[in-house]
Amino acid sequence: MSETIFGIHGAALELRSQRMGVIASNIANAATPGFKARDMDFNAALNARLETQRGAPAAFGEPELLYRRSAMPTLDGNTVELSREQVAFAENALAYSATLSFVQGKVSTITRALKGE
């Protein structure tokens, strides 16, 4: 039922939350020798989730995490570029907030309709 009420936004919120965790892990491990930065292809993950919701026979699970390529590799093998991670985190947080605002507006509209306002 939530797919029909919220459409793409419910799946987008969940995936944005998962991506935020991945990026936060990258930031937390910025000084860990040998740590490889990871990220997910949000659009591919969202498309896979939507295909699964439409009944496609795709296997639904966790989104695929990809390794990021470092523009400036370090001697200790760590591929986290802190400034790049901070930008990705901020962009993802902004998109999460916008999606959440839309969902909250939808819930507010449904609540008002149920109250007869």
PDB file of N, CA and C in Angstrom:
ATOM      1  N   MET A   1       0.821  -1.198   0.000  1.00  0.00           N
ATOM      2  CA  MET A   1       0.000   0.000   0.000  1.00  0.00           C
ATOM      3  C   MET A   1       0.862   1.258   0.000  1.00  0.00           C
ATOM      4  N   SER A   2       1.992   1.220   0.703  1.00  0.00           N
ATOM      5  CA  SER A   2       2.830   2.411   0.762  1.00  0.00           C
ATOM      6  C   SER A   2       3.398   2.773  -0.607  1.00  0.00           C
ATOM      7  N   GLU A   3       3.577   1.761  -1.496  1.00  0.00           N
ATOM      8  CA  GLU A   3       4.074   2.057  -2.835  1.00  0.00           C
ATOM      9  C   GLU A   3       3.069   2.880  -3.617  1.00  0.00           C
ATOM     10  N   THR A   4       1.770   2.617  -3.424  1.00  0.00           N
ATOM     11  CA  THR A   4       0.761   3.369  -4.160  1.00  0.00           C
ATOM     12  C   THR A   4       0.567   4.761  -3.570  1.00  0.00           C
ATOM     13  N   ILE A   5       0.748   4.902  -2.274  1.00  0.00           N
ATOM     14  CA  ILE A   5       0.567   6.213  -1.637  1.00  0.00           C
ATOM     15  C   ILE A   5       1.796   7.091  -1.854  1.00  0.00           C
ATOM     16  N   PHE A   6       2.968   6.552  -1.594  1.00  0.00           N
ATOM     17  CA  PHE A   6       4.192   7.350  -1.634  1.00  0.00           C
ATOM     18  C   PHE A   6       4.973   7.206  -2.930  1.00  0.00           C
ATOM     19  N   GLY A   7       4.621   6.235  -3.746  1.00  0.00           N
ATOM     20  CA  GLY A   7       5.297   6.051  -5.022  1.00  0.00           C
ATOM     21  C   GLY A   7       6.778   5.761  -4.840  1.00  0.00           C
ATOM     22  N   ILE A   8       7.563   6.449  -5.590  1.00  0.00           N
ATOM     23  CA  ILE A   8       9.011   6.253  -5.613  1.00  0.00           C
ATOM     24  C   ILE A   8       9.690   6.740  -4.324  1.00  0.00           C
ATOM     25  N   HIS A   9       9.024   7.607  -3.583  1.00  0.00           N
ATOM     26  CA  HIS A   9       9.664   8.294  -2.464  1.00  0.00           C
ATOM     27  C   HIS A   9       9.974   7.399  -1.264  1.00  0.00           C
ATOM     28  N   GLY A  10       9.175   6.385  -1.030  1.00  0.00           N
ATOM     29  CA  GLY A  10       9.464   5.461   0.070  1.00  0.00           C
ATOM     30  C   GLY A  10      10.750   4.692  -0.164  1.00  0.00           C
ATOM     31  N   ALA A  11      10.897   4.181  -1.381  1.00  0.00           N
ATOM     32  CA  ALA A  11      12.123   3.455  -1.738  1.00  0.00           C
ATOM     33  C   ALA A  11      13.316   4.400  -1.757  1.00  0.00           C
ATOM     34  N   ALA A  12      13.116   5.614  -2.237  1.00  0.00           N
ATOM     35  CA  ALA A  12      14.207   6.584  -2.293  1.00  0.00           C
ATOM     36  C   ALA A  12      14.699   6.935  -0.897  1.00  0.00           C
ATOM     37  N   LEU A  13      13.779   7.097   0.060  1.00  0.00           N
ATOM     38  CA  LEU A  13      14.180   7.394   1.437  1.00  0.00           C
ATOM     39  C   LEU A  13      15.037   6.283   2.022  1.00  0.00           C
ATOM     40  N   GLU A  14      14.613   5.054   1.813  1.00  0.00           N
ATOM     41  CA  GLU A  14      15.363   3.921   2.353  1.00  0.00           C
ATOM     42  C   GLU A  14      16.758   3.837   1.740  1.00  0.00           C
ATOM     43  N   LEU A  15      16.850   4.002   0.434  1.00  0.00           N
ATOM     44  CA  LEU A  15      18.147   3.927  -0.238  1.00  0.00           C
ATOM     45  C   LEU A  15      19.047   5.101   0.133  1.00  0.00           C
ATOM     46  N   ARG A  16      18.475   6.287   0.264  1.00  0.00           N
ATOM     47  CA  ARG A  16      19.272   7.448   0.679  1.00  0.00           C
ATOM     48  C   ARG A  16      19.826   7.236   2.085  1.00  0.00           C
ATOM     49  N   SER A  17      19.023   6.644   2.951  1.00  0.00           N
ATOM     50  CA  SER A  17      19.481   6.347   4.309  1.00  0.00           C
ATOM     51  C   SER A  17      20.642   5.354   4.290  1.00  0.00           C
ATOM     52  N   GLN A  18      20.524   4.317   3.473  1.00  0.00           N
ATOM     53  CA  GLN A  18      21.607   3.340   3.363  1.00  0.00           C
ATOM     54  C   GLN A  18      22.867   3.984   2.798  1.00  0.00           C
ATOM     55  N   ARG A  19      22.700   4.841   1.816  1.00  0.00           N
ATOM     56  CA  ARG A  19      23.863   5.514   1.223  1.00  0.00           C
ATOM     57  C   ARG A  19      24.530   6.435   2.233  1.00  0.00           C
ATOM     58  N   MET A  20      23.727   7.095   3.067  1.00  0.00           N
ATOM     59  CA  MET A  20      24.291   7.968   4.086  1.00  0.00           C
ATOM     60  C   MET A  20      25.178   7.176   5.048  1.00  0.00           C
ATOM     61  N   GLY A  21      24.743   5.965   5.376  1.00  0.00           N
ATOM     62  CA  GLY A  21      25.549   5.109   6.233  1.00  0.00           C
ATOM     63  C   GLY A  21      26.864   4.708   5.595  1.00  0.00           C
ATOM     64  N   VAL A  22      26.843   4.424   4.307  1.00  0.00           N
ATOM     65  CA  VAL A  22      28.064   4.047   3.586  1.00  0.00           C
ATOM     66  C   VAL A  22      29.040   5.220   3.547  1.00  0.00           C
ATOM     67  N   ILE A  23      28.528   6.406   3.243  1.00  0.00           N
ATOM     68  CA  ILE A  23      29.390   7.583   3.170  1.00  0.00           C
ATOM     69  C   ILE A  23      29.936   7.928   4.556  1.00  0.00           C
ATOM     70  N   ALA A  24      29.102   7.806   5.584  1.00  0.00           N
ATOM     71  CA  ALA A  24      29.562   8.065   6.953  1.00  0.00           C
ATOM     72  C   ALA A  24      30.669   7.092   7.345  1.00  0.00           C
ATOM     73  N   SER A  25      30.557   5.855   6.907  1.00  0.00           N
ATOM     74  CA  SER A  25      31.605   4.869   7.170  1.00  0.00           C
ATOM     75  C   SER A  25      32.904   5.273   6.480  1.00  0.00           C
ATOM     76  N   ASN A  26      32.799   5.779   5.266  1.00  0.00           N
ATOM     77  CA  ASN A  26      33.989   6.253   4.560  1.00  0.00           C
ATOM     78  C   ASN A  26      34.665   7.381   5.340  1.00  0.00           C
ATOM     79  N   ILE A  27      33.865   8.337   5.806  1.00  0.00           N
ATOM     80  CA  ILE A  27      34.408   9.472   6.554  1.00  0.00           C
ATOM     81  C   ILE A  27      35.058   8.991   7.852  1.00  0.00           C
ATOM     82  N   ALA A  28      34.400   8.072   8.533  1.00  0.00           N
ATOM     83  CA  ALA A  28      34.932   7.559   9.797  1.00  0.00           C
ATOM     84  C   ALA A  28      36.248   6.818   9.609  1.00  0.00           C
ATOM     85  N   ASN A  29      36.461   6.255   8.444  1.00  0.00           N
ATOM     86  CA  ASN A  29      37.678   5.481   8.172  1.00  0.00           C
ATOM     87  C   ASN A  29      38.687   6.242   7.319  1.00  0.00           C
ATOM     88  N   ALA A  30      38.596   7.549   7.307  1.00  0.00           N
ATOM     89  CA  ALA A  30      39.491   8.357   6.475  1.00  0.00           C
ATOM     90  C   ALA A  30      40.958   8.175   6.844  1.00  0.00           C
ATOM     91  N   ALA A  31      41.259   7.815   8.071  1.00  0.00           N
ATOM     92  CA  ALA A  31      42.655   7.651   8.502  1.00  0.00           C
ATOM     93  C   ALA A  31      43.036   6.185   8.690  1.00  0.00           C
ATOM     94  N   THR A  32      42.177   5.265   8.278  1.00  0.00           N
ATOM     95  CA  THR A  32      42.455   3.840   8.431  1.00  0.00           C
ATOM     96  C   THR A  32      43.297   3.343   7.257  1.00  0.00           C
ATOM     97  N   PRO A  33      44.500   2.864   7.532  1.00  0.00           N
ATOM     98  CA  PRO A  33      45.349   2.377   6.443  1.00  0.00           C
ATOM     99  C   PRO A  33      44.685   1.219   5.684  1.00  0.00           C
ATOM    100  N   GLY A  34      44.723   1.307   4.364  1.00  0.00           N
ATOM    101  CA  GLY A  34      44.189   0.247   3.523  1.00  0.00           C
ATOM    102  C   GLY A  34      42.683   0.276   3.316  1.00  0.00           C
ATOM    103  N   PHE A  35      41.984   1.223   3.932  1.00  0.00           N
ATOM    104  CA  PHE A  35      40.527   1.277   3.772  1.00  0.00           C
ATOM    105  C   PHE A  35      40.181   1.741   2.365  1.00  0.00           C
ATOM    106  N   LYS A  36      39.241   1.059   1.754  1.00  0.00           N
ATOM    107  CA  LYS A  36      38.785   1.391   0.402  1.00  0.00           C
ATOM    108  C   LYS A  36      37.416   2.056   0.483  1.00  0.00           C
ATOM    109  N   ALA A  37      37.326   3.282  -0.022  1.00  0.00           N
ATOM    110  CA  ALA A  37      36.063   4.016  -0.019  1.00  0.00           C
ATOM    111  C   ALA A  37      35.044   3.319  -0.910  1.00  0.00           C
ATOM    112  N   ARG A  38      33.797   3.294  -0.431  1.00  0.00           N
ATOM    113  CA  ARG A  38      32.722   2.639  -1.187  1.00  0.00           C
ATOM    114  C   ARG A  38      31.565   3.595  -1.344  1.00  0.00           C
ATOM    115  N   ASP A  39      30.728   3.292  -2.307  1.00  0.00           N
ATOM    116  CA  ASP A  39      29.512   4.064  -2.538  1.00  0.00           C
ATOM    117  C   ASP A  39      28.552   3.187  -3.322  1.00  0.00           C
ATOM    118  N   MET A  40      27.335   3.636  -3.453  1.00  0.00           N
ATOM    119  CA  MET A  40      26.361   2.904  -4.257  1.00  0.00           C
ATOM    120  C   MET A  40      25.918   3.785  -5.410  1.00  0.00           C
ATOM    121  N   ASP A  41      25.546   3.156  -6.495  1.00  0.00           N
ATOM    122  CA  ASP A  41      24.955   3.867  -7.617  1.00  0.00           C
ATOM    123  C   ASP A  41      23.477   4.017  -7.272  1.00  0.00           C
ATOM    124  N   PHE A  42      23.116   5.204  -6.767  1.00  0.00           N
ATOM    125  CA  PHE A  42      21.759   5.426  -6.271  1.00  0.00           C
ATOM    126  C   PHE A  42      20.710   5.182  -7.345  1.00  0.00           C
ATOM    127  N   ASN A  43      20.938   5.706  -8.548  1.00  0.00           N
ATOM    128  CA  ASN A  43      19.942   5.552  -9.620  1.00  0.00           C
ATOM    129  C   ASN A  43      19.744   4.087  -9.994  1.00  0.00           C
ATOM    130  N   ALA A  44      20.826   3.334 -10.083  1.00  0.00           N
ATOM    131  CA  ALA A  44      20.703   1.909 -10.418  1.00  0.00           C
ATOM    132  C   ALA A  44      19.984   1.158  -9.304  1.00  0.00           C
ATOM    133  N   ALA A  45      20.295   1.485  -8.053  1.00  0.00           N
ATOM    134  CA  ALA A  45      19.642   0.819  -6.917  1.00  0.00           C
ATOM    135  C   ALA A  45      18.151   1.149  -6.879  1.00  0.00           C
ATOM    136  N   LEU A  46      17.812   2.404  -7.150  1.00  0.00           N
ATOM    137  CA  LEU A  46      16.405   2.806  -7.147  1.00  0.00           C
ATOM    138  C   LEU A  46      15.652   2.133  -8.291  1.00  0.00           C
ATOM    139  N   ASN A  47      16.252   2.088  -9.470  1.00  0.00           N
ATOM    140  CA  ASN A  47      15.609   1.410 -10.604  1.00  0.00           C
ATOM    141  C   ASN A  47      15.386  -0.068 -10.310  1.00  0.00           C
ATOM    142  N   ALA A  48      16.376  -0.721  -9.694  1.00  0.00           N
ATOM    143  CA  ALA A  48      16.228  -2.136  -9.343  1.00  0.00           C
ATOM    144  C   ALA A  48      15.101  -2.322  -8.334  1.00  0.00           C
ATOM    145  N   ARG A  49      15.013  -1.431  -7.356  1.00  0.00           N
ATOM    146  CA  ARG A  49      13.957  -1.512  -6.354  1.00  0.00           C
ATOM    147  C   ARG A  49      12.588  -1.323  -6.981  1.00  0.00           C
ATOM    148  N   LEU A  50      12.476  -0.378  -7.902  1.00  0.00           N
ATOM    149  CA  LEU A  50      11.193  -0.125  -8.558  1.00  0.00           C
ATOM    150  C   LEU A  50      10.785  -1.279  -9.458  1.00  0.00           C
ATOM    151  N   GLU A  51      11.738  -1.875 -10.149  1.00  0.00           N
ATOM    152  CA  GLU A  51      11.436  -3.040 -10.987  1.00  0.00           C
ATOM    153  C   GLU A  51      10.928  -4.192 -10.125  1.00  0.00           C
ATOM    154  N   THR A  52      11.526  -4.380  -8.984  1.00  0.00           N
ATOM    155  CA  THR A  52      11.087  -5.442  -8.073  1.00  0.00           C
ATOM    156  C   THR A  52       9.669  -5.174  -7.578  1.00  0.00           C
ATOM    157  N   GLN A  53       9.378  -3.902  -7.263  1.00  0.00           N
ATOM    158  CA  GLN A  53       8.027  -3.550  -6.800  1.00  0.00           C
ATOM    159  C   GLN A  53       6.998  -3.750  -7.900  1.00  0.00           C
ATOM    160  N   ARG A  54       7.402  -3.630  -9.151  1.00  0.00           N
ATOM    161  CA  ARG A  54       6.484  -3.818 -10.282  1.00  0.00           C
ATOM    162  C   ARG A  54       6.299  -5.288 -10.634  1.00  0.00           C
ATOM    163  N   GLY A  55       7.005  -6.153  -9.912  1.00  0.00           N
ATOM    164  CA  GLY A  55       6.833  -7.577 -10.152  1.00  0.00           C
ATOM    165  C   GLY A  55       7.876  -8.196 -11.048  1.00  0.00           C
ATOM    166  N   ALA A  56       8.926  -7.478 -11.363  1.00  0.00           N
ATOM    167  CA  ALA A  56       9.999  -8.045 -12.184  1.00  0.00           C
ATOM    168  C   ALA A  56      10.701  -9.149 -11.394  1.00  0.00           C
ATOM    169  N   PRO A  57      11.201 -10.166 -12.064  1.00  0.00           N
ATOM    170  CA  PRO A  57      11.809 -11.290 -11.360  1.00  0.00           C
ATOM    171  C   PRO A  57      13.207 -11.010 -10.822  1.00  0.00           C
ATOM    172  N   ALA A  58      13.598  -9.744 -10.710  1.00  0.00           N
ATOM    173  CA  ALA A  58      14.929  -9.404 -10.202  1.00  0.00           C
ATOM    174  C   ALA A  58      15.030  -9.783  -8.727  1.00  0.00           C
ATOM    175  N   ALA A  59      16.202 -10.185  -8.338  1.00  0.00           N
ATOM    176  CA  ALA A  59      16.440 -10.528  -6.933  1.00  0.00           C
ATOM    177  C   ALA A  59      16.574  -9.238  -6.138  1.00  0.00           C
ATOM    178  N   PHE A  60      15.711  -9.078  -5.142  1.00  0.00           N
ATOM    179  CA  PHE A  60      15.728  -7.868  -4.331  1.00  0.00           C
ATOM    180  C   PHE A  60      16.603  -8.096  -3.119  1.00  0.00           C
ATOM    181  N   GLY A  61      17.474  -7.202  -2.893  1.00  0.00           N
ATOM    182  CA  GLY A  61      18.353  -7.314  -1.742  1.00  0.00           C
ATOM    183  C   GLY A  61      19.008  -5.975  -1.489  1.00  0.00           C
ATOM    184  N   GLU A  62      20.152  -6.032  -0.877  1.00  0.00           N
ATOM    185  CA  GLU A  62      20.900  -4.823  -0.604  1.00  0.00           C
ATOM    186  C   GLU A  62      21.462  -4.262  -1.908  1.00  0.00           C
ATOM    187  N   PRO A  63      21.542  -2.933  -2.015  1.00  0.00           N
ATOM    188  CA  PRO A  63      22.137  -2.355  -3.216  1.00  0.00           C
ATOM    189  C   PRO A  63      23.620  -2.714  -3.313  1.00  0.00           C
ATOM    190  N   GLU A  64      24.086  -2.822  -4.524  1.00  0.00           N
ATOM    191  CA  GLU A  64      25.485  -3.170  -4.749  1.00  0.00           C
ATOM    192  C   GLU A  64      26.382  -2.002  -4.355  1.00  0.00           C
ATOM    193  N   LEU A  65      27.389  -2.295  -3.548  1.00  0.00           N
ATOM    194  CA  LEU A  65      28.360  -1.275  -3.161  1.00  0.00           C
ATOM    195  C   LEU A  65      29.552  -1.360  -4.098  1.00  0.00           C
ATOM    196  N   LEU A  66      29.940  -0.208  -4.599  1.00  0.00           N
ATOM    197  CA  LEU A  66      31.052  -0.118  -5.534  1.00  0.00           C
ATOM    198  C   LEU A  66      32.232   0.566  -4.850  1.00  0.00           C
ATOM    199  N   TYR A  67      33.425   0.228  -5.283  1.00  0.00           N
ATOM    200  CA  TYR A  67      34.614   0.904  -4.769  1.00  0.00           C
ATOM    201  C   TYR A  67      34.818   2.197  -5.529  1.00  0.00           C
ATOM    202  N   ARG A  68      35.182   3.246  -4.805  1.00  0.00           N
ATOM    203  CA  ARG A  68      35.478   4.522  -5.448  1.00  0.00           C
ATOM    204  C   ARG A  68      36.925   4.546  -5.904  1.00  0.00           C
ATOM    205  N   ARG A  69      37.151   5.172  -7.022  1.00  0.00           N
ATOM    206  CA  ARG A  69      38.521   5.356  -7.502  1.00  0.00           C
ATOM    207  C   ARG A  69      39.050   6.664  -6.930  1.00  0.00           C
ATOM    208  N   SER A  70      40.214   6.587  -6.389  1.00  0.00           N
ATOM    209  CA  SER A  70      40.822   7.750  -5.775  1.00  0.00           C
ATOM    210  C   SER A  70      41.597   8.552  -6.807  1.00  0.00           C
ATOM    211  N   ALA A  71      41.398   9.864  -6.814  1.00  0.00           N
ATOM    212  CA  ALA A  71      42.156  10.729  -7.717  1.00  0.00           C
ATOM    213  C   ALA A  71      43.586  10.906  -7.223  1.00  0.00           C
ATOM    214  N   MET A  72      43.752  10.822  -5.904  1.00  0.00           N
ATOM    215  CA  MET A  72      45.078  10.982  -5.314  1.00  0.00           C
ATOM    216  C   MET A  72      45.328   9.832  -4.339  1.00  0.00           C
ATOM    217  N   PRO A  73      45.853   8.717  -4.814  1.00  0.00           N
ATOM    218  CA  PRO A  73      46.085   7.584  -3.919  1.00  0.00           C
ATOM    219  C   PRO A  73      47.122   7.921  -2.839  1.00  0.00           C
ATOM    220  N   THR A  74      46.936   7.328  -1.672  1.00  0.00           N
ATOM    221  CA  THR A  74      47.854   7.564  -0.569  1.00  0.00           C
ATOM    222  C   THR A  74      48.835   6.403  -0.455  1.00  0.00           C
ATOM    223  N   LEU A  75      49.896   6.627   0.262  1.00  0.00           N
ATOM    224  CA  LEU A  75      50.917   5.591   0.434  1.00  0.00           C
ATOM    225  C   LEU A  75      50.413   4.414   1.260  1.00  0.00           C
ATOM    226  N   ASP A  76      49.467   4.673   2.175  1.00  0.00           N
ATOM    227  CA  ASP A  76      48.969   3.588   3.031  1.00  0.00           C
ATOM    228  C   ASP A  76      47.828   2.799   2.405  1.00  0.00           C
ATOM    229  N   GLY A  77      47.423   3.127   1.174  1.00  0.00           N
ATOM    230  CA  GLY A  77      46.387   2.373   0.476  1.00  0.00           C
ATOM    231  C   GLY A  77      44.967   2.835   0.737  1.00  0.00           C
ATOM    232  N   ASN A  78      44.789   3.862   1.549  1.00  0.00           N
ATOM    233  CA  ASN A  78      43.459   4.391   1.844  1.00  0.00           C
ATOM    234  C   ASN A  78      42.983   5.214   0.647  1.00  0.00           C
ATOM    235  N   THR A  79      41.748   4.963   0.188  1.00  0.00           N
ATOM    236  CA  THR A  79      41.220   5.681  -0.980  1.00  0.00           C
ATOM    237  C   THR A  79      40.182   6.738  -0.621  1.00  0.00           C
ATOM    238  N   VAL A  80      40.015   7.033   0.667  1.00  0.00           N
ATOM    239  CA  VAL A  80      39.034   8.035   1.092  1.00  0.00           C
ATOM    240  C   VAL A  80      39.593   9.423   0.839  1.00  0.00           C
ATOM    241  N   GLU A  81      38.837  10.229   0.111  1.00  0.00           N
ATOM    242  CA  GLU A  81      39.148  11.645  -0.084  1.00  0.00           C
ATOM    243  C   GLU A  81      38.118  12.413   0.724  1.00  0.00           C
ATOM    244  N   LEU A  82      38.526  12.937   1.854  1.00  0.00           N
ATOM    245  CA  LEU A  82      37.607  13.508   2.826  1.00  0.00           C
ATOM    246  C   LEU A  82      36.710  14.598   2.227  1.00  0.00           C
ATOM    247  N   SER A  83      37.265  15.488   1.437  1.00  0.00           N
ATOM    248  CA  SER A  83      36.450  16.567   0.867  1.00  0.00           C
ATOM    249  C   SER A  83      35.381  16.001  -0.074  1.00  0.00           C
ATOM    250  N   ARG A  84      35.743  15.005  -0.844  1.00  0.00           N
ATOM    251  CA  ARG A  84      34.786  14.369  -1.757  1.00  0.00           C
ATOM    252  C   ARG A  84      33.670  13.673  -0.977  1.00  0.00           C
ATOM    253  N   GLU A  85      34.025  13.024   0.108  1.00  0.00           N
ATOM    254  CA  GLU A  85      33.031  12.337   0.943  1.00  0.00           C
ATOM    255  C   GLU A  85      32.093  13.338   1.608  1.00  0.00           C
ATOM    256  N   GLN A  86      32.647  14.460   2.062  1.00  0.00           N
ATOM    257  CA  GLN A  86      31.812  15.476   2.707  1.00  0.00           C
ATOM    258  C   GLN A  86      30.811  16.072   1.727  1.00  0.00           C
ATOM    259  N   VAL A  87      31.239  16.293   0.504  1.00  0.00           N
ATOM    260  CA  VAL A  87      30.329  16.816  -0.531  1.00  0.00           C
ATOM    261  C   VAL A  87      29.238  15.781  -0.829  1.00  0.00           C
ATOM    262  N   ALA A  88      29.621  14.522  -0.989  1.00  0.00           N
ATOM    263  CA  ALA A  88      28.648  13.466  -1.268  1.00  0.00           C
ATOM    264  C   ALA A  88      27.656  13.336  -0.114  1.00  0.00           C
ATOM    265  N   PHE A  89      28.144  13.443   1.117  1.00  0.00           N
ATOM    266  CA  PHE A  89      27.267  13.345   2.289  1.00  0.00           C
ATOM    267  C   PHE A  89      26.275  14.506   2.308  1.00  0.00           C
ATOM    268  N   ALA A  90      26.767  15.721   2.043  1.00  0.00           N
ATOM    269  CA  ALA A  90      25.883  16.893   2.041  1.00  0.00           C
ATOM    270  C   ALA A  90      24.831  16.800   0.944  1.00  0.00           C
ATOM    271  N   GLU A  91      25.228  16.379  -0.253  1.00  0.00           N
ATOM    272  CA  GLU A  91      24.273  16.236  -1.352  1.00  0.00           C
ATOM    273  C   GLU A  91      23.211  15.185  -1.021  1.00  0.00           C
ATOM    274  N   ASN A  92      23.656  14.062  -0.476  1.00  0.00           N
ATOM    275  CA  ASN A  92      22.726  12.993  -0.124  1.00  0.00           C
ATOM    276  C   ASN A  92      21.784  13.442   0.990  1.00  0.00           C
ATOM    277  N   ALA A  93      22.309  14.171   1.982  1.00  0.00           N
ATOM    278  CA  ALA A  93      21.475  14.663   3.088  1.00  0.00           C
ATOM    279  C   ALA A  93      20.416  15.634   2.575  1.00  0.00           C
ATOM    280  N   LEU A  94      20.793  16.480   1.635  1.00  0.00           N
ATOM    281  CA  LEU A  94      19.839  17.427   1.052  1.00  0.00           C
ATOM    282  C   LEU A  94      18.739  16.692   0.286  1.00  0.00           C
ATOM    283  N   ALA A  95      19.117  15.705  -0.500  1.00  0.00           N
ATOM    284  CA  ALA A  95      18.131  14.923  -1.248  1.00  0.00           C
ATOM    285  C   ALA A  95      17.229  14.135  -0.293  1.00  0.00           C
ATOM    286  N   TYR A  96      17.809  13.602   0.779  1.00  0.00           N
ATOM    287  CA  TYR A  96      17.028  12.879   1.784  1.00  0.00           C
ATOM    288  C   TYR A  96      16.003  13.816   2.414  1.00  0.00           C
ATOM    289  N   SER A  97      16.450  15.006   2.787  1.00  0.00           N
ATOM    290  CA  SER A  97      15.562  15.985   3.410  1.00  0.00           C
ATOM    291  C   SER A  97      14.420  16.391   2.480  1.00  0.00           C
ATOM    292  N   ALA A  98      14.726  16.591   1.206  1.00  0.00           N
ATOM    293  CA  ALA A  98      13.691  16.966   0.240  1.00  0.00           C
ATOM    294  C   ALA A  98      12.667  15.847   0.067  1.00  0.00           C
ATOM    295  N   THR A  99      13.147  14.616  -0.011  1.00  0.00           N
ATOM    296  CA  THR A  99      12.243  13.473  -0.156  1.00  0.00           C
ATOM    297  C   THR A  99      11.382  13.310   1.095  1.00  0.00           C
ATOM    298  N   LEU A 100      12.003  13.484   2.249  1.00  0.00           N
ATOM    299  CA  LEU A 100      11.264  13.377   3.508  1.00  0.00           C
ATOM    300  C   LEU A 100      10.188  14.453   3.609  1.00  0.00           C
ATOM    301  N   SER A 101      10.492  15.665   3.165  1.00  0.00           N
ATOM    302  CA  SER A 101       9.498  16.748   3.172  1.00  0.00           C
ATOM    303  C   SER A 101       8.310  16.400   2.293  1.00  0.00           C
ATOM    304  N   PHE A 102       8.580  15.795   1.138  1.00  0.00           N
ATOM    305  CA  PHE A 102       7.495  15.389   0.256  1.00  0.00           C
ATOM    306  C   PHE A 102       6.613  14.343   0.935  1.00  0.00           C
ATOM    307  N   VAL A 103       7.226  13.347   1.555  1.00  0.00           N
ATOM    308  CA  VAL A 103       6.474  12.288   2.234  1.00  0.00           C
ATOM    309  C   VAL A 103       5.662  12.873   3.384  1.00  0.00           C
ATOM    310  N   GLN A 104       6.257  13.790   4.144  1.00  0.00           N
ATOM    311  CA  GLN A 104       5.536  14.423   5.246  1.00  0.00           C
ATOM    312  C   GLN A 104       4.336  15.216   4.733  1.00  0.00           C
ATOM    313  N   GLY A 105       4.487  15.895   3.605  1.00  0.00           N
ATOM    314  CA  GLY A 105       3.373  16.622   3.004  1.00  0.00           C
ATOM    315  C   GLY A 105       2.263  15.685   2.568  1.00  0.00           C
ATOM    316  N   LYS A 106       2.655  14.547   2.010  1.00  0.00           N
ATOM    317  CA  LYS A 106       1.668  13.552   1.584  1.00  0.00           C
ATOM    318  C   LYS A 106       0.893  13.006   2.790  1.00  0.00           C
ATOM    319  N   VAL A 107       1.608  12.704   3.871  1.00  0.00           N
ATOM    320  CA  VAL A 107       0.970  12.201   5.095  1.00  0.00           C
ATOM    321  C   VAL A 107       0.041  13.264   5.663  1.00  0.00           C
ATOM    322  N   SER A 108       0.479  14.508   5.655  1.00  0.00           N
ATOM    323  CA  SER A 108      -0.347  15.607   6.160  1.00  0.00           C
ATOM    324  C   SER A 108      -1.632  15.743   5.344  1.00  0.00           C
ATOM    325  N   THR A 109      -1.531  15.612   4.038  1.00  0.00           N
ATOM    326  CA  THR A 109      -2.697  15.699   3.161  1.00  0.00           C
ATOM    327  C   THR A 109      -3.674  14.556   3.455  1.00  0.00           C
ATOM    328  N   ILE A 110      -3.151  13.356   3.619  1.00  0.00           N
ATOM    329  CA  ILE A 110      -4.009  12.203   3.915  1.00  0.00           C
ATOM    330  C   ILE A 110      -4.665  12.365   5.277  1.00  0.00           C
ATOM    331  N   THR A 111      -3.922  12.859   6.249  1.00  0.00           N
ATOM    332  CA  THR A 111      -4.466  13.066   7.585  1.00  0.00           C
ATOM    333  C   THR A 111      -5.594  14.094   7.557  1.00  0.00           C
ATOM    334  N   ARG A 112      -5.383  15.191   6.845  1.00  0.00           N
ATOM    335  CA  ARG A 112      -6.445  16.207   6.723  1.00  0.00           C
ATOM    336  C   ARG A 112      -7.676  15.649   6.016  1.00  0.00           C
ATOM    337  N   ALA A 113      -7.462  14.820   5.011  1.00  0.00           N
ATOM    338  CA  ALA A 113      -8.588  14.230   4.287  1.00  0.00           C
ATOM    339  C   ALA A 113      -9.385  13.285   5.188  1.00  0.00           C
ATOM    340  N   LEU A 114      -8.681  12.515   6.020  1.00  0.00           N
ATOM    341  CA  LEU A 114      -9.368  11.601   6.936  1.00  0.00           C
ATOM    342  C   LEU A 114     -10.144  12.360   8.018  1.00  0.00           C
ATOM    343  N   LYS A 115      -9.629  13.514   8.412  1.00  0.00           N
ATOM    344  CA  LYS A 115     -10.321  14.323   9.416  1.00  0.00           C
ATOM    345  C   LYS A 115     -11.469  15.123   8.801  1.00  0.00           C
ATOM    346  N   GLY A 116     -11.522  15.187   7.470  1.00  0.00           N
ATOM    347  CA  GLY A 116     -12.587  15.910   6.786  1.00  0.00           C
ATOM    348  C   GLY A 116     -12.337  17.389   6.692  1.00  0.00           C
ATOM    349  N   GLU A 117     -11.110  17.791   6.742  1.00  0.00           N
ATOM    350  CA  GLU A 117     -10.770  19.217   6.678  1.00  0.00           C
ATOM    351  C   GLU A 117     -10.674  19.686   5.244  1.00  0.00           C
TER     352      GLU A 117
END
